[in-house]
Amino acid sequence: MFVRLTLIVLIAALAVGLAARPSGSAGKPVRYVVQPTDTLWSIAAKHYPGDPRQGIWQLQQRNHLHGTTLVPGQRLLLP
């Protein structure tokens, strides 16, 4: 009895795993053009919920920034 139940659960899990598809809900990346008064902090505070420090880290990683200096007109990808 236990073996049958285990087999049924494994087959069901396999069926769900094969039927699952990525939702594609991430969407296209958003591009942002840096304005003269922008800082990483201000951009992160506007576009990310919660603590802006996490948003700053994500911006730096996504855009391969090695510091915090931004130039007006610079284009950033918002993760």
Protein backbone atom coordinates (compact mmCIF):
# COMPACT_ATOMS: atom_id res chain seq x y z
CA MET A 1 0.00 0.00 0.00
CA PHE A 2 2.78 2.43 0.95
CA VAL A 3 4.68 1.63 -2.25
CA ARG A 4 1.61 2.37 -4.40
CA LEU A 5 0.97 5.67 -2.65
CA THR A 6 4.61 6.68 -3.05
CA LEU A 7 4.53 5.72 -6.73
CA ILE A 8 1.36 7.75 -7.33
CA VAL A 9 2.85 10.81 -5.62
CA LEU A 10 6.06 10.53 -7.66
CA ILE A 11 4.15 10.20 -10.94
CA ALA A 12 1.97 13.19 -10.04
CA ALA A 13 5.03 15.28 -9.18
CA LEU A 14 6.68 14.29 -12.45
CA ALA A 15 3.55 15.21 -14.42
CA VAL A 16 3.36 18.63 -12.77
CA GLY A 17 7.06 19.21 -13.39
CA LEU A 18 6.73 18.37 -17.07
CA ALA A 19 3.58 20.46 -17.53
CA ALA A 20 4.96 23.58 -15.81
CA ARG A 21 6.11 26.33 -18.12
CA PRO A 22 7.87 29.60 -17.34
CA SER A 23 5.38 32.42 -17.03
CA GLY A 24 7.54 35.03 -18.71
CA SER A 25 6.15 37.58 -16.27
CA ALA A 26 9.50 39.26 -15.73
CA GLY A 27 8.86 41.47 -18.74
CA LYS A 28 11.34 43.52 -20.68
CA PRO A 29 14.06 45.37 -18.81
CA VAL A 30 13.32 49.04 -18.23
CA ARG A 31 15.86 51.58 -19.43
CA TYR A 32 16.41 54.74 -17.42
CA VAL A 33 18.29 57.85 -18.57
CA VAL A 34 20.19 59.55 -15.75
CA GLN A 35 19.13 63.16 -15.09
CA PRO A 36 21.50 65.89 -13.78
CA THR A 37 20.37 65.59 -10.14
CA ASP A 38 20.05 61.78 -10.02
CA THR A 39 22.00 59.58 -7.64
CA LEU A 40 21.91 55.82 -7.28
CA TRP A 41 20.06 56.36 -4.01
CA SER A 42 17.36 58.53 -5.60
CA ILE A 43 16.86 56.11 -8.51
CA ALA A 44 16.66 53.11 -6.17
CA ALA A 45 14.25 54.94 -3.84
CA LYS A 46 11.92 55.75 -6.77
CA HIS A 47 11.98 52.36 -8.47
CA TYR A 48 12.43 49.75 -5.72
CA PRO A 49 10.30 49.08 -2.65
CA GLY A 50 11.89 48.88 0.77
CA ASP A 51 15.48 49.70 1.62
CA PRO A 52 17.18 51.63 -1.24
CA ARG A 53 20.53 49.95 -0.45
CA GLN A 54 19.29 46.70 -2.01
CA GLY A 55 18.18 48.63 -5.11
CA ILE A 56 21.58 50.34 -5.34
CA TRP A 57 23.33 46.97 -5.20
CA GLN A 58 21.03 45.60 -7.93
CA LEU A 59 21.63 48.67 -10.12
CA GLN A 60 25.40 48.34 -9.72
CA GLN A 61 25.36 44.63 -10.52
CA ARG A 62 23.01 44.92 -13.50
CA ASN A 63 24.92 47.84 -15.06
CA HIS A 64 28.46 46.74 -14.12
CA LEU A 65 29.08 49.93 -12.14
CA HIS A 66 32.25 49.98 -10.04
CA GLY A 67 31.35 53.08 -8.07
CA THR A 68 28.47 55.41 -7.38
CA THR A 69 29.29 58.15 -9.90
CA LEU A 70 26.62 58.73 -12.53
CA VAL A 71 26.80 60.98 -15.59
CA PRO A 72 23.73 62.82 -16.93
CA GLY A 73 22.54 61.07 -20.07
CA GLN A 74 23.94 57.73 -18.95
CA ARG A 75 21.54 54.86 -19.66
CA LEU A 76 20.86 52.30 -16.96
CA LEU A 77 18.97 49.03 -17.07
CA LEU A 78 16.63 48.71 -14.13
CA PRO A 79 16.53 45.11 -12.90
